[in-house]
Amino acid sequence: MLLAFSEMTHPHIVMNPTVGHGKPCIRGTRILVENLLDLVAQGYTFDDIIRRAYPQLTKEQIADAVAYANELLRNEEIESTLVSA
């Protein structure tokens, strides 16, 4: 499935088939959005990410990555595999 997004809405996010197998990454880098989300899920703050993992990024780039992922999930139809008790 091909998902389109607006460069105006997410100016820091690009998808290039020659970078990260076409997965969304931060413009001008090879840093995948999923890698940033993994760090956020581990409890890293944006400052932690910049200080400890990706000093070349800005808070705005990281926030855009999180917003991009949020938008994808908000617009995704998810089939529930959970069974309620």
Protein backbone atom coordinates (compact mmCIF):
# COMPACT_ATOMS: atom_id res chain seq x y z
CA MET A 1 0.00 0.00 0.00
CA LEU A 2 1.40 3.39 -0.99
CA LEU A 3 0.71 6.15 1.49
CA ALA A 4 1.05 9.74 0.43
CA PHE A 5 1.78 12.57 2.80
CA SER A 6 2.22 16.25 2.40
CA GLU A 7 5.68 17.77 2.58
CA MET A 8 3.94 20.78 4.09
CA THR A 9 2.48 18.62 6.86
CA HIS A 10 5.66 16.59 7.44
CA PRO A 11 8.53 18.56 5.93
CA HIS A 12 11.22 16.49 7.65
CA ILE A 13 10.00 13.07 6.47
CA VAL A 14 10.90 11.47 3.14
CA MET A 15 10.62 8.04 1.59
CA ASN A 16 13.28 7.08 -0.92
CA PRO A 17 13.53 3.54 -2.28
CA THR A 18 17.34 3.77 -2.15
CA VAL A 19 17.40 4.66 1.56
CA GLY A 20 16.16 2.28 4.25
CA HIS A 21 14.31 0.13 1.71
CA GLY A 22 11.91 3.00 1.11
CA LYS A 23 10.85 3.32 4.74
CA PRO A 24 10.16 6.82 6.07
CA CYS A 25 13.28 8.59 7.28
CA ILE A 26 14.43 12.04 8.31
CA ARG A 27 15.15 14.22 5.27
CA GLY A 28 18.87 14.41 4.49
CA THR A 29 19.76 11.45 6.73
CA ARG A 30 19.49 7.67 6.80
CA ILE A 31 17.72 7.80 10.17
CA LEU A 32 14.48 5.83 10.00
CA VAL A 33 11.33 7.06 11.70
CA GLU A 34 10.95 3.60 13.24
CA ASN A 35 14.35 3.93 14.95
CA LEU A 36 13.25 7.19 16.58
CA LEU A 37 9.97 5.60 17.68
CA ASP A 38 11.89 2.71 19.23
CA LEU A 39 13.88 5.18 21.32
CA VAL A 40 10.75 7.07 22.38
CA ALA A 41 9.15 3.74 23.34
CA GLN A 42 12.20 2.99 25.49
CA GLY A 43 11.59 6.21 27.40
CA TYR A 44 14.08 8.50 25.69
CA THR A 45 13.11 12.17 25.63
CA PHE A 46 13.81 14.22 22.53
CA ASP A 47 16.78 15.72 24.36
CA ASP A 48 18.05 12.19 25.18
CA ILE A 49 17.77 11.17 21.53
CA ILE A 50 19.77 14.19 20.43
CA ARG A 51 22.36 13.88 23.19
CA ARG A 52 22.82 10.09 23.22
CA ALA A 53 21.95 8.79 19.77
CA TYR A 54 21.49 11.33 16.98
CA PRO A 55 23.18 14.67 17.74
CA GLN A 56 22.59 15.81 14.15
CA LEU A 57 18.81 15.93 14.67
CA THR A 58 16.64 18.72 16.00
CA LYS A 59 13.62 18.43 18.28
CA GLU A 60 11.48 19.59 15.36
CA GLN A 61 12.65 16.66 13.22
CA ILE A 62 11.94 14.15 15.97
CA ALA A 63 8.53 15.69 16.67
CA ASP A 64 7.72 15.49 12.97
CA ALA A 65 8.64 11.80 12.94
CA VAL A 66 6.33 11.12 15.89
CA ALA A 67 3.53 13.17 14.31
CA TYR A 68 3.98 11.31 11.02
CA ALA A 69 3.70 7.93 12.74
CA ASN A 70 0.67 9.13 14.70
CA GLU A 71 -1.03 10.25 11.49
CA LEU A 72 -0.37 6.87 9.88
CA LEU A 73 -1.91 5.03 12.81
CA ARG A 74 -4.87 7.37 13.00
CA ASN A 75 -5.66 6.71 9.35
CA GLU A 76 -4.95 2.97 9.41
CA GLU A 77 -7.73 0.43 9.62
CA ILE A 78 -6.62 -2.05 12.24
CA GLU A 79 -8.14 -5.48 12.62
CA SER A 80 -8.37 -6.41 16.25
CA THR A 81 -6.91 -9.76 17.20
CA LEU A 82 -7.59 -9.23 20.90
CA VAL A 83 -10.40 -11.16 22.48
CA SER A 84 -12.32 -9.38 25.21
CA ALA A 85 -12.85 -11.28 28.41
